[in-house]
mmCIF file of all heavy atoms, coordinates in Angstrom:
data_MODEL
# 
_entry.id   MODEL 
# 
loop_
_atom_site.group_PDB 
_atom_site.id 
_atom_site.type_symbol 
_atom_site.label_atom_id 
_atom_site.label_alt_id 
_atom_site.label_comp_id 
_atom_site.label_asym_id 
_atom_site.label_entity_id 
_atom_site.label_seq_id 
_atom_site.pdbx_PDB_ins_code 
_atom_site.Cartn_x 
_atom_site.Cartn_y 
_atom_site.Cartn_z 
_atom_site.occupancy 
_atom_site.B_iso_or_equiv 
_atom_site.pdbx_formal_charge 
_atom_site.auth_seq_id 
_atom_site.auth_comp_id 
_atom_site.auth_asym_id 
_atom_site.auth_atom_id 
_atom_site.pdbx_PDB_model_num 
ATOM 1   N N   . VAL A 1 1  ? -7.563  16.112  -4.769  1.00 0.00 ? 1  VAL A N   1 
ATOM 2   C CA  . VAL A 1 1  ? -7.611  15.593  -3.430  1.00 0.00 ? 1  VAL A CA  1 
ATOM 3   C C   . VAL A 1 1  ? -8.015  14.168  -3.624  1.00 0.00 ? 1  VAL A C   1 
ATOM 4   O O   . VAL A 1 1  ? -7.470  13.170  -2.918  1.00 0.00 ? 1  VAL A O   1 
ATOM 5   C CB  . VAL A 1 1  ? -8.627  16.194  -2.630  1.00 0.00 ? 1  VAL A CB  1 
ATOM 6   C CG1 . VAL A 1 1  ? -8.892  15.576  -1.362  1.00 0.00 ? 1  VAL A CG1 1 
ATOM 7   C CG2 . VAL A 1 1  ? -8.099  17.757  -2.143  1.00 0.00 ? 1  VAL A CG2 1 
ATOM 8   N N   . ALA A 1 2  ? -8.879  13.886  -4.445  1.00 0.00 ? 2  ALA A N   1 
ATOM 9   C CA  . ALA A 1 2  ? -9.334  12.421  -4.652  1.00 0.00 ? 2  ALA A CA  1 
ATOM 10  C C   . ALA A 1 2  ? -8.213  11.638  -5.291  1.00 0.00 ? 2  ALA A C   1 
ATOM 11  O O   . ALA A 1 2  ? -8.024  10.464  -4.906  1.00 0.00 ? 2  ALA A O   1 
ATOM 12  C CB  . ALA A 1 2  ? -10.624 12.371  -5.585  1.00 0.00 ? 2  ALA A CB  1 
ATOM 13  N N   . TYR A 1 3  ? -7.494  12.276  -6.328  1.00 0.00 ? 3  TYR A N   1 
ATOM 14  C CA  . TYR A 1 3  ? -6.238  11.497  -6.826  1.00 0.00 ? 3  TYR A CA  1 
ATOM 15  C C   . TYR A 1 3  ? -5.300  11.264  -5.758  1.00 0.00 ? 3  TYR A C   1 
ATOM 16  O O   . TYR A 1 3  ? -4.782  10.065  -5.738  1.00 0.00 ? 3  TYR A O   1 
ATOM 17  C CB  . TYR A 1 3  ? -5.746  12.340  -7.934  1.00 0.00 ? 3  TYR A CB  1 
ATOM 18  C CG  . TYR A 1 3  ? -4.620  11.721  -8.590  1.00 0.00 ? 3  TYR A CG  1 
ATOM 19  C CD1 . TYR A 1 3  ? -4.852  10.783  -9.814  1.00 0.00 ? 3  TYR A CD1 1 
ATOM 20  C CD2 . TYR A 1 3  ? -3.249  11.694  -8.189  1.00 0.00 ? 3  TYR A CD2 1 
ATOM 21  C CE1 . TYR A 1 3  ? -3.703  10.162  -10.292 1.00 0.00 ? 3  TYR A CE1 1 
ATOM 22  C CE2 . TYR A 1 3  ? -2.230  11.047  -8.769  1.00 0.00 ? 3  TYR A CE2 1 
ATOM 23  C CZ  . TYR A 1 3  ? -2.549  10.120  -9.809  1.00 0.00 ? 3  TYR A CZ  1 
ATOM 24  O OH  . TYR A 1 3  ? -1.381  9.578   -10.318 1.00 0.00 ? 3  TYR A OH  1 
ATOM 25  N N   . ILE A 1 4  ? -4.991  12.338  -5.087  1.00 0.00 ? 4  ILE A N   1 
ATOM 26  C CA  . ILE A 1 4  ? -4.017  12.117  -3.880  1.00 0.00 ? 4  ILE A CA  1 
ATOM 27  C C   . ILE A 1 4  ? -4.404  10.939  -3.071  1.00 0.00 ? 4  ILE A C   1 
ATOM 28  O O   . ILE A 1 4  ? -3.491  10.197  -2.606  1.00 0.00 ? 4  ILE A O   1 
ATOM 29  C CB  . ILE A 1 4  ? -3.768  13.362  -3.164  1.00 0.00 ? 4  ILE A CB  1 
ATOM 30  C CG1 . ILE A 1 4  ? -3.146  14.412  -4.073  1.00 0.00 ? 4  ILE A CG1 1 
ATOM 31  C CG2 . ILE A 1 4  ? -2.886  13.185  -1.902  1.00 0.00 ? 4  ILE A CG2 1 
ATOM 32  C CD1 . ILE A 1 4  ? -3.135  15.873  -3.393  1.00 0.00 ? 4  ILE A CD1 1 
ATOM 33  N N   . ALA A 1 5  ? -5.662  10.859  -2.631  1.00 0.00 ? 5  ALA A N   1 
ATOM 34  C CA  . ALA A 1 5  ? -6.140  9.761   -1.806  1.00 0.00 ? 5  ALA A CA  1 
ATOM 35  C C   . ALA A 1 5  ? -5.782  8.407   -2.408  1.00 0.00 ? 5  ALA A C   1 
ATOM 36  O O   . ALA A 1 5  ? -5.349  7.470   -1.865  1.00 0.00 ? 5  ALA A O   1 
ATOM 37  C CB  . ALA A 1 5  ? -7.503  10.007  -1.444  1.00 0.00 ? 5  ALA A CB  1 
ATOM 38  N N   . GLY A 1 6  ? -6.306  8.216   -3.676  1.00 0.00 ? 6  GLY A N   1 
ATOM 39  C CA  . GLY A 1 6  ? -6.196  6.969   -4.437  1.00 0.00 ? 6  GLY A CA  1 
ATOM 40  C C   . GLY A 1 6  ? -4.705  6.577   -4.642  1.00 0.00 ? 6  GLY A C   1 
ATOM 41  O O   . GLY A 1 6  ? -4.244  5.404   -4.458  1.00 0.00 ? 6  GLY A O   1 
ATOM 42  N N   . ALA A 1 7  ? -3.904  7.536   -5.065  1.00 0.00 ? 7  ALA A N   1 
ATOM 43  C CA  . ALA A 1 7  ? -2.464  7.391   -5.363  1.00 0.00 ? 7  ALA A CA  1 
ATOM 44  C C   . ALA A 1 7  ? -1.745  7.046   -4.008  1.00 0.00 ? 7  ALA A C   1 
ATOM 45  O O   . ALA A 1 7  ? -0.762  6.144   -4.052  1.00 0.00 ? 7  ALA A O   1 
ATOM 46  C CB  . ALA A 1 7  ? -1.818  8.485   -6.077  1.00 0.00 ? 7  ALA A CB  1 
ATOM 47  N N   . SER A 1 8  ? -2.093  7.606   -2.978  1.00 0.00 ? 8  SER A N   1 
ATOM 48  C CA  . SER A 1 8  ? -1.434  7.435   -1.690  1.00 0.00 ? 8  SER A CA  1 
ATOM 49  C C   . SER A 1 8  ? -1.764  5.955   -1.111  1.00 0.00 ? 8  SER A C   1 
ATOM 50  O O   . SER A 1 8  ? -1.027  5.317   -0.461  1.00 0.00 ? 8  SER A O   1 
ATOM 51  C CB  . SER A 1 8  ? -1.989  8.415   -0.623  1.00 0.00 ? 8  SER A CB  1 
ATOM 52  O OG  . SER A 1 8  ? -1.566  9.729   -0.993  1.00 0.00 ? 8  SER A OG  1 
ATOM 53  N N   . PHE A 1 9  ? -2.960  5.626   -1.277  1.00 0.00 ? 9  PHE A N   1 
ATOM 54  C CA  . PHE A 1 9  ? -3.484  4.210   -1.192  1.00 0.00 ? 9  PHE A CA  1 
ATOM 55  C C   . PHE A 1 9  ? -2.508  3.272   -1.760  1.00 0.00 ? 9  PHE A C   1 
ATOM 56  O O   . PHE A 1 9  ? -1.948  2.257   -1.231  1.00 0.00 ? 9  PHE A O   1 
ATOM 57  C CB  . PHE A 1 9  ? -4.887  3.968   -1.520  1.00 0.00 ? 9  PHE A CB  1 
ATOM 58  C CG  . PHE A 1 9  ? -5.241  2.562   -1.755  1.00 0.00 ? 9  PHE A CG  1 
ATOM 59  C CD1 . PHE A 1 9  ? -5.559  1.696   -0.545  1.00 0.00 ? 9  PHE A CD1 1 
ATOM 60  C CD2 . PHE A 1 9  ? -5.404  2.016   -3.002  1.00 0.00 ? 9  PHE A CD2 1 
ATOM 61  C CE1 . PHE A 1 9  ? -5.854  0.299   -0.785  1.00 0.00 ? 9  PHE A CE1 1 
ATOM 62  C CE2 . PHE A 1 9  ? -5.759  0.602   -3.149  1.00 0.00 ? 9  PHE A CE2 1 
ATOM 63  C CZ  . PHE A 1 9  ? -6.003  -0.153  -2.129  1.00 0.00 ? 9  PHE A CZ  1 
ATOM 64  N N   . MET A 1 10 ? -2.301  3.458   -3.107  1.00 0.00 ? 10 MET A N   1 
ATOM 65  C CA  . MET A 1 10 ? -1.370  2.647   -3.952  1.00 0.00 ? 10 MET A CA  1 
ATOM 66  C C   . MET A 1 10 ? 0.056   2.662   -3.380  1.00 0.00 ? 10 MET A C   1 
ATOM 67  O O   . MET A 1 10 ? 0.660   1.595   -3.236  1.00 0.00 ? 10 MET A O   1 
ATOM 68  C CB  . MET A 1 10 ? -1.335  3.036   -5.413  1.00 0.00 ? 10 MET A CB  1 
ATOM 69  C CG  . MET A 1 10 ? -2.699  2.762   -6.063  1.00 0.00 ? 10 MET A CG  1 
ATOM 70  S SD  . MET A 1 10 ? -3.036  0.915   -6.261  1.00 0.00 ? 10 MET A SD  1 
ATOM 71  C CE  . MET A 1 10 ? -1.499  0.459   -7.067  1.00 0.00 ? 10 MET A CE  1 
ATOM 72  N N   . ALA A 1 11 ? 0.584   3.833   -3.061  1.00 0.00 ? 11 ALA A N   1 
ATOM 73  C CA  . ALA A 1 11 ? 1.900   3.963   -2.564  1.00 0.00 ? 11 ALA A CA  1 
ATOM 74  C C   . ALA A 1 11 ? 2.117   3.351   -1.261  1.00 0.00 ? 11 ALA A C   1 
ATOM 75  O O   . ALA A 1 11 ? 3.152   2.663   -1.037  1.00 0.00 ? 11 ALA A O   1 
ATOM 76  C CB  . ALA A 1 11 ? 2.223   5.578   -2.449  1.00 0.00 ? 11 ALA A CB  1 
ATOM 77  N N   . PHE A 1 12 ? 1.173   3.427   -0.382  1.00 0.00 ? 12 PHE A N   1 
ATOM 78  C CA  . PHE A 1 12 ? 1.346   2.786   0.915   1.00 0.00 ? 12 PHE A CA  1 
ATOM 79  C C   . PHE A 1 12 ? 1.358   1.375   0.818   1.00 0.00 ? 12 PHE A C   1 
ATOM 80  O O   . PHE A 1 12 ? 2.354   0.719   1.342   1.00 0.00 ? 12 PHE A O   1 
ATOM 81  C CB  . PHE A 1 12 ? 0.040   3.171   1.830   1.00 0.00 ? 12 PHE A CB  1 
ATOM 82  C CG  . PHE A 1 12 ? 0.029   2.561   3.104   1.00 0.00 ? 12 PHE A CG  1 
ATOM 83  C CD1 . PHE A 1 12 ? 0.797   3.014   4.207   1.00 0.00 ? 12 PHE A CD1 1 
ATOM 84  C CD2 . PHE A 1 12 ? -0.606  1.291   3.292   1.00 0.00 ? 12 PHE A CD2 1 
ATOM 85  C CE1 . PHE A 1 12 ? 0.734   2.298   5.432   1.00 0.00 ? 12 PHE A CE1 1 
ATOM 86  C CE2 . PHE A 1 12 ? -0.618  0.587   4.560   1.00 0.00 ? 12 PHE A CE2 1 
ATOM 87  C CZ  . PHE A 1 12 ? 0.022   1.159   5.557   1.00 0.00 ? 12 PHE A CZ  1 
ATOM 88  N N   . PHE A 1 13 ? 0.533   0.756   0.007   1.00 0.00 ? 13 PHE A N   1 
ATOM 89  C CA  . PHE A 1 13 ? 0.566   -0.783  -0.092  1.00 0.00 ? 13 PHE A CA  1 
ATOM 90  C C   . PHE A 1 13 ? 1.716   -1.241  -0.978  1.00 0.00 ? 13 PHE A C   1 
ATOM 91  O O   . PHE A 1 13 ? 2.241   -2.367  -0.774  1.00 0.00 ? 13 PHE A O   1 
ATOM 92  C CB  . PHE A 1 13 ? -0.713  -1.264  -0.682  1.00 0.00 ? 13 PHE A CB  1 
ATOM 93  C CG  . PHE A 1 13 ? -1.827  -1.404  0.494   1.00 0.00 ? 13 PHE A CG  1 
ATOM 94  C CD1 . PHE A 1 13 ? -2.797  -0.369  0.528   1.00 0.00 ? 13 PHE A CD1 1 
ATOM 95  C CD2 . PHE A 1 13 ? -1.794  -2.478  1.349   1.00 0.00 ? 13 PHE A CD2 1 
ATOM 96  C CE1 . PHE A 1 13 ? -3.714  -0.478  1.598   1.00 0.00 ? 13 PHE A CE1 1 
ATOM 97  C CE2 . PHE A 1 13 ? -2.756  -2.486  2.447   1.00 0.00 ? 13 PHE A CE2 1 
ATOM 98  C CZ  . PHE A 1 13 ? -3.624  -1.523  2.510   1.00 0.00 ? 13 PHE A CZ  1 
ATOM 99  N N   . LEU A 1 14 ? 2.239   -0.367  -1.918  1.00 0.00 ? 14 LEU A N   1 
ATOM 100 C CA  . LEU A 1 14 ? 3.387   -0.765  -2.673  1.00 0.00 ? 14 LEU A CA  1 
ATOM 101 C C   . LEU A 1 14 ? 4.655   -0.922  -1.684  1.00 0.00 ? 14 LEU A C   1 
ATOM 102 O O   . LEU A 1 14 ? 5.458   -1.808  -1.709  1.00 0.00 ? 14 LEU A O   1 
ATOM 103 C CB  . LEU A 1 14 ? 3.710   0.210   -3.841  1.00 0.00 ? 14 LEU A CB  1 
ATOM 104 C CG  . LEU A 1 14 ? 2.932   0.018   -5.074  1.00 0.00 ? 14 LEU A CG  1 
ATOM 105 C CD1 . LEU A 1 14 ? 3.280   1.111   -5.973  1.00 0.00 ? 14 LEU A CD1 1 
ATOM 106 C CD2 . LEU A 1 14 ? 3.211   -1.229  -5.676  1.00 0.00 ? 14 LEU A CD2 1 
ATOM 107 N N   . LEU A 1 15 ? 4.595   0.062   -0.690  1.00 0.00 ? 15 LEU A N   1 
ATOM 108 C CA  . LEU A 1 15 ? 5.742   0.068   0.182   1.00 0.00 ? 15 LEU A CA  1 
ATOM 109 C C   . LEU A 1 15 ? 5.601   -0.892  1.364   1.00 0.00 ? 15 LEU A C   1 
ATOM 110 O O   . LEU A 1 15 ? 6.543   -1.587  1.713   1.00 0.00 ? 15 LEU A O   1 
ATOM 111 C CB  . LEU A 1 15 ? 5.936   1.475   0.711   1.00 0.00 ? 15 LEU A CB  1 
ATOM 112 C CG  . LEU A 1 15 ? 7.102   1.721   1.657   1.00 0.00 ? 15 LEU A CG  1 
ATOM 113 C CD1 . LEU A 1 15 ? 8.450   1.470   0.864   1.00 0.00 ? 15 LEU A CD1 1 
ATOM 114 C CD2 . LEU A 1 15 ? 7.128   3.254   2.114   1.00 0.00 ? 15 LEU A CD2 1 
ATOM 115 N N   . PHE A 1 16 ? 4.363   -0.944  1.891   1.00 0.00 ? 16 PHE A N   1 
ATOM 116 C CA  . PHE A 1 16 ? 4.233   -1.800  3.089   1.00 0.00 ? 16 PHE A CA  1 
ATOM 117 C C   . PHE A 1 16 ? 3.311   -3.075  2.968   1.00 0.00 ? 16 PHE A C   1 
ATOM 118 O O   . PHE A 1 16 ? 3.140   -3.929  3.880   1.00 0.00 ? 16 PHE A O   1 
ATOM 119 C CB  . PHE A 1 16 ? 3.675   -0.887  4.175   1.00 0.00 ? 16 PHE A CB  1 
ATOM 120 C CG  . PHE A 1 16 ? 4.583   0.195   4.644   1.00 0.00 ? 16 PHE A CG  1 
ATOM 121 C CD1 . PHE A 1 16 ? 4.127   1.445   4.464   1.00 0.00 ? 16 PHE A CD1 1 
ATOM 122 C CD2 . PHE A 1 16 ? 5.677   -0.143  5.147   1.00 0.00 ? 16 PHE A CD2 1 
ATOM 123 C CE1 . PHE A 1 16 ? 4.808   2.505   4.754   1.00 0.00 ? 16 PHE A CE1 1 
ATOM 124 C CE2 . PHE A 1 16 ? 6.477   0.960   5.534   1.00 0.00 ? 16 PHE A CE2 1 
ATOM 125 C CZ  . PHE A 1 16 ? 6.139   2.325   5.287   1.00 0.00 ? 16 PHE A CZ  1 
ATOM 126 N N   . GLY A 1 17 ? 2.760   -3.232  1.735   1.00 0.00 ? 17 GLY A N   1 
ATOM 127 C CA  . GLY A 1 17 ? 1.799   -4.296  1.547   1.00 0.00 ? 17 GLY A CA  1 
ATOM 128 C C   . GLY A 1 17 ? 2.302   -5.635  1.813   1.00 0.00 ? 17 GLY A C   1 
ATOM 129 O O   . GLY A 1 17 ? 1.505   -6.612  2.239   1.00 0.00 ? 17 GLY A O   1 
ATOM 130 N N   . ASP A 1 18 ? 3.656   -5.940  1.563   1.00 0.00 ? 18 ASP A N   1 
ATOM 131 C CA  . ASP A 1 18 ? 4.289   -7.261  1.772   1.00 0.00 ? 18 ASP A CA  1 
ATOM 132 C C   . ASP A 1 18 ? 4.038   -7.609  3.232   1.00 0.00 ? 18 ASP A C   1 
ATOM 133 O O   . ASP A 1 18 ? 3.916   -8.863  3.358   1.00 0.00 ? 18 ASP A O   1 
ATOM 134 C CB  . ASP A 1 18 ? 5.673   -7.170  1.424   1.00 0.00 ? 18 ASP A CB  1 
ATOM 135 C CG  . ASP A 1 18 ? 5.913   -7.188  -0.177  1.00 0.00 ? 18 ASP A CG  1 
ATOM 136 O OD1 . ASP A 1 18 ? 5.377   -8.104  -0.820  1.00 0.00 ? 18 ASP A OD1 1 
ATOM 137 O OD2 . ASP A 1 18 ? 6.585   -6.323  -0.662  1.00 0.00 ? 18 ASP A OD2 1 
ATOM 138 N N   . PHE A 1 19 ? 4.012   -6.764  4.134   1.00 0.00 ? 19 PHE A N   1 
ATOM 139 C CA  . PHE A 1 19 ? 3.948   -7.083  5.614   1.00 0.00 ? 19 PHE A CA  1 
ATOM 140 C C   . PHE A 1 19 ? 2.528   -7.492  5.893   1.00 0.00 ? 19 PHE A C   1 
ATOM 141 O O   . PHE A 1 19 ? 2.269   -8.070  7.001   1.00 0.00 ? 19 PHE A O   1 
ATOM 142 C CB  . PHE A 1 19 ? 4.367   -5.904  6.471   1.00 0.00 ? 19 PHE A CB  1 
ATOM 143 C CG  . PHE A 1 19 ? 5.742   -5.539  6.238   1.00 0.00 ? 19 PHE A CG  1 
ATOM 144 C CD1 . PHE A 1 19 ? 6.151   -4.402  5.350   1.00 0.00 ? 19 PHE A CD1 1 
ATOM 145 C CD2 . PHE A 1 19 ? 6.845   -6.190  6.890   1.00 0.00 ? 19 PHE A CD2 1 
ATOM 146 C CE1 . PHE A 1 19 ? 7.482   -4.094  5.243   1.00 0.00 ? 19 PHE A CE1 1 
ATOM 147 C CE2 . PHE A 1 19 ? 8.060   -5.834  6.652   1.00 0.00 ? 19 PHE A CE2 1 
ATOM 148 C CZ  . PHE A 1 19 ? 8.511   -4.857  5.963   1.00 0.00 ? 19 PHE A CZ  1 
ATOM 149 N N   . PHE A 1 20 ? 1.598   -7.367  4.987   1.00 0.00 ? 20 PHE A N   1 
ATOM 150 C CA  . PHE A 1 20 ? 0.164   -7.884  5.361   1.00 0.00 ? 20 PHE A CA  1 
ATOM 151 C C   . PHE A 1 20 ? -0.137  -9.132  4.769   1.00 0.00 ? 20 PHE A C   1 
ATOM 152 O O   . PHE A 1 20 ? -1.291  -9.713  4.796   1.00 0.00 ? 20 PHE A O   1 
ATOM 153 C CB  . PHE A 1 20 ? -0.870  -6.768  4.850   1.00 0.00 ? 20 PHE A CB  1 
ATOM 154 C CG  . PHE A 1 20 ? -0.800  -5.504  5.464   1.00 0.00 ? 20 PHE A CG  1 
ATOM 155 C CD1 . PHE A 1 20 ? 0.000   -4.517  5.007   1.00 0.00 ? 20 PHE A CD1 1 
ATOM 156 C CD2 . PHE A 1 20 ? -1.437  -5.234  6.624   1.00 0.00 ? 20 PHE A CD2 1 
ATOM 157 C CE1 . PHE A 1 20 ? 0.071   -3.187  5.640   1.00 0.00 ? 20 PHE A CE1 1 
ATOM 158 C CE2 . PHE A 1 20 ? -1.414  -4.017  7.288   1.00 0.00 ? 20 PHE A CE2 1 
ATOM 159 C CZ  . PHE A 1 20 ? -0.671  -2.951  6.765   1.00 0.00 ? 20 PHE A CZ  1 
ATOM 160 N N   . THR A 1 21 ? 0.891   -9.788  4.042   1.00 0.00 ? 21 THR A N   1 
ATOM 161 C CA  . THR A 1 21 ? 0.781   -11.173 3.593   1.00 0.00 ? 21 THR A CA  1 
ATOM 162 C C   . THR A 1 21 ? 1.273   -12.195 4.626   1.00 0.00 ? 21 THR A C   1 
ATOM 163 O O   . THR A 1 21 ? 2.263   -12.002 5.288   1.00 0.00 ? 21 THR A O   1 
ATOM 164 C CB  . THR A 1 21 ? 1.467   -11.253 2.245   1.00 0.00 ? 21 THR A CB  1 
ATOM 165 O OG1 . THR A 1 21 ? 2.898   -11.061 2.446   1.00 0.00 ? 21 THR A OG1 1 
ATOM 166 C CG2 . THR A 1 21 ? 1.001   -10.281 1.286   1.00 0.00 ? 21 THR A CG2 1 
ATOM 167 N N   . PRO A 1 22 ? 0.620   -13.344 4.597   1.00 0.00 ? 22 PRO A N   1 
ATOM 168 C CA  . PRO A 1 22 ? 0.924   -14.311 5.694   1.00 0.00 ? 22 PRO A CA  1 
ATOM 169 C C   . PRO A 1 22 ? 2.290   -14.871 5.723   1.00 0.00 ? 22 PRO A C   1 
ATOM 170 O O   . PRO A 1 22 ? 3.011   -15.207 6.675   1.00 0.00 ? 22 PRO A O   1 
ATOM 171 C CB  . PRO A 1 22 ? -0.093  -15.478 5.477   1.00 0.00 ? 22 PRO A CB  1 
ATOM 172 C CG  . PRO A 1 22 ? -1.138  -14.881 4.791   1.00 0.00 ? 22 PRO A CG  1 
ATOM 173 C CD  . PRO A 1 22 ? -0.633  -13.782 3.963   1.00 0.00 ? 22 PRO A CD  1 
ATOM 174 N N   . ASP A 1 23 ? 2.857   -14.964 4.463   1.00 0.00 ? 23 ASP A N   1 
ATOM 175 C CA  . ASP A 1 23 ? 4.159   -15.560 4.182   1.00 0.00 ? 23 ASP A CA  1 
ATOM 176 C C   . ASP A 1 23 ? 5.405   -14.577 4.048   1.00 0.00 ? 23 ASP A C   1 
ATOM 177 O O   . ASP A 1 23 ? 6.283   -14.987 3.514   1.00 0.00 ? 23 ASP A O   1 
ATOM 178 C CB  . ASP A 1 23 ? 4.140   -16.662 3.060   1.00 0.00 ? 23 ASP A CB  1 
ATOM 179 C CG  . ASP A 1 23 ? 3.795   -15.804 1.771   1.00 0.00 ? 23 ASP A CG  1 
ATOM 180 O OD1 . ASP A 1 23 ? 3.348   -14.713 1.683   1.00 0.00 ? 23 ASP A OD1 1 
ATOM 181 O OD2 . ASP A 1 23 ? 4.118   -16.474 0.730   1.00 0.00 ? 23 ASP A OD2 1 
ATOM 182 N N   . TYR A 1 24 ? 5.127   -13.363 4.452   1.00 0.00 ? 24 TYR A N   1 
ATOM 183 C CA  . TYR A 1 24 ? 6.123   -12.325 4.174   1.00 0.00 ? 24 TYR A CA  1 
ATOM 184 C C   . TYR A 1 24 ? 7.473   -12.631 4.717   1.00 0.00 ? 24 TYR A C   1 
ATOM 185 O O   . TYR A 1 24 ? 8.546   -12.295 4.124   1.00 0.00 ? 24 TYR A O   1 
ATOM 186 C CB  . TYR A 1 24 ? 5.632   -10.944 4.515   1.00 0.00 ? 24 TYR A CB  1 
ATOM 187 C CG  . TYR A 1 24 ? 5.889   -10.613 6.026   1.00 0.00 ? 24 TYR A CG  1 
ATOM 188 C CD1 . TYR A 1 24 ? 7.034   -9.979  6.568   1.00 0.00 ? 24 TYR A CD1 1 
ATOM 189 C CD2 . TYR A 1 24 ? 4.874   -10.951 7.103   1.00 0.00 ? 24 TYR A CD2 1 
ATOM 190 C CE1 . TYR A 1 24 ? 7.229   -9.774  7.907   1.00 0.00 ? 24 TYR A CE1 1 
ATOM 191 C CE2 . TYR A 1 24 ? 5.035   -10.562 8.368   1.00 0.00 ? 24 TYR A CE2 1 
ATOM 192 C CZ  . TYR A 1 24 ? 6.267   -10.066 8.746   1.00 0.00 ? 24 TYR A CZ  1 
ATOM 193 O OH  . TYR A 1 24 ? 6.354   -9.706  10.120  1.00 0.00 ? 24 TYR A OH  1 
ATOM 194 N N   . ARG A 1 25 ? 7.533   -13.321 5.895   1.00 0.00 ? 25 ARG A N   1 
ATOM 195 C CA  . ARG A 1 25 ? 8.925   -13.620 6.434   1.00 0.00 ? 25 ARG A CA  1 
ATOM 196 C C   . ARG A 1 25 ? 9.762   -14.575 5.457   1.00 0.00 ? 25 ARG A C   1 
ATOM 197 O O   . ARG A 1 25 ? 10.930  -14.347 5.325   1.00 0.00 ? 25 ARG A O   1 
ATOM 198 C CB  . ARG A 1 25 ? 8.746   -14.217 7.936   1.00 0.00 ? 25 ARG A CB  1 
ATOM 199 C CG  . ARG A 1 25 ? 8.166   -13.258 8.849   1.00 0.00 ? 25 ARG A CG  1 
ATOM 200 C CD  . ARG A 1 25 ? 8.063   -13.901 10.228  1.00 0.00 ? 25 ARG A CD  1 
ATOM 201 N NE  . ARG A 1 25 ? 7.494   -13.041 11.181  1.00 0.00 ? 25 ARG A NE  1 
ATOM 202 C CZ  . ARG A 1 25 ? 8.107   -12.123 11.977  1.00 0.00 ? 25 ARG A CZ  1 
ATOM 203 N NH1 . ARG A 1 25 ? 9.351   -11.889 11.772  1.00 0.00 ? 25 ARG A NH1 1 
ATOM 204 N NH2 . ARG A 1 25 ? 7.430   -11.422 12.741  1.00 0.00 ? 25 ARG A NH2 1 
# 
């Protein structure tokens, strides 16, 4: 369960992390 939580954190930001950067556009 802890692994799933940590890996899901990584997967989420790999997919959507660019949208949290100021210059993504």
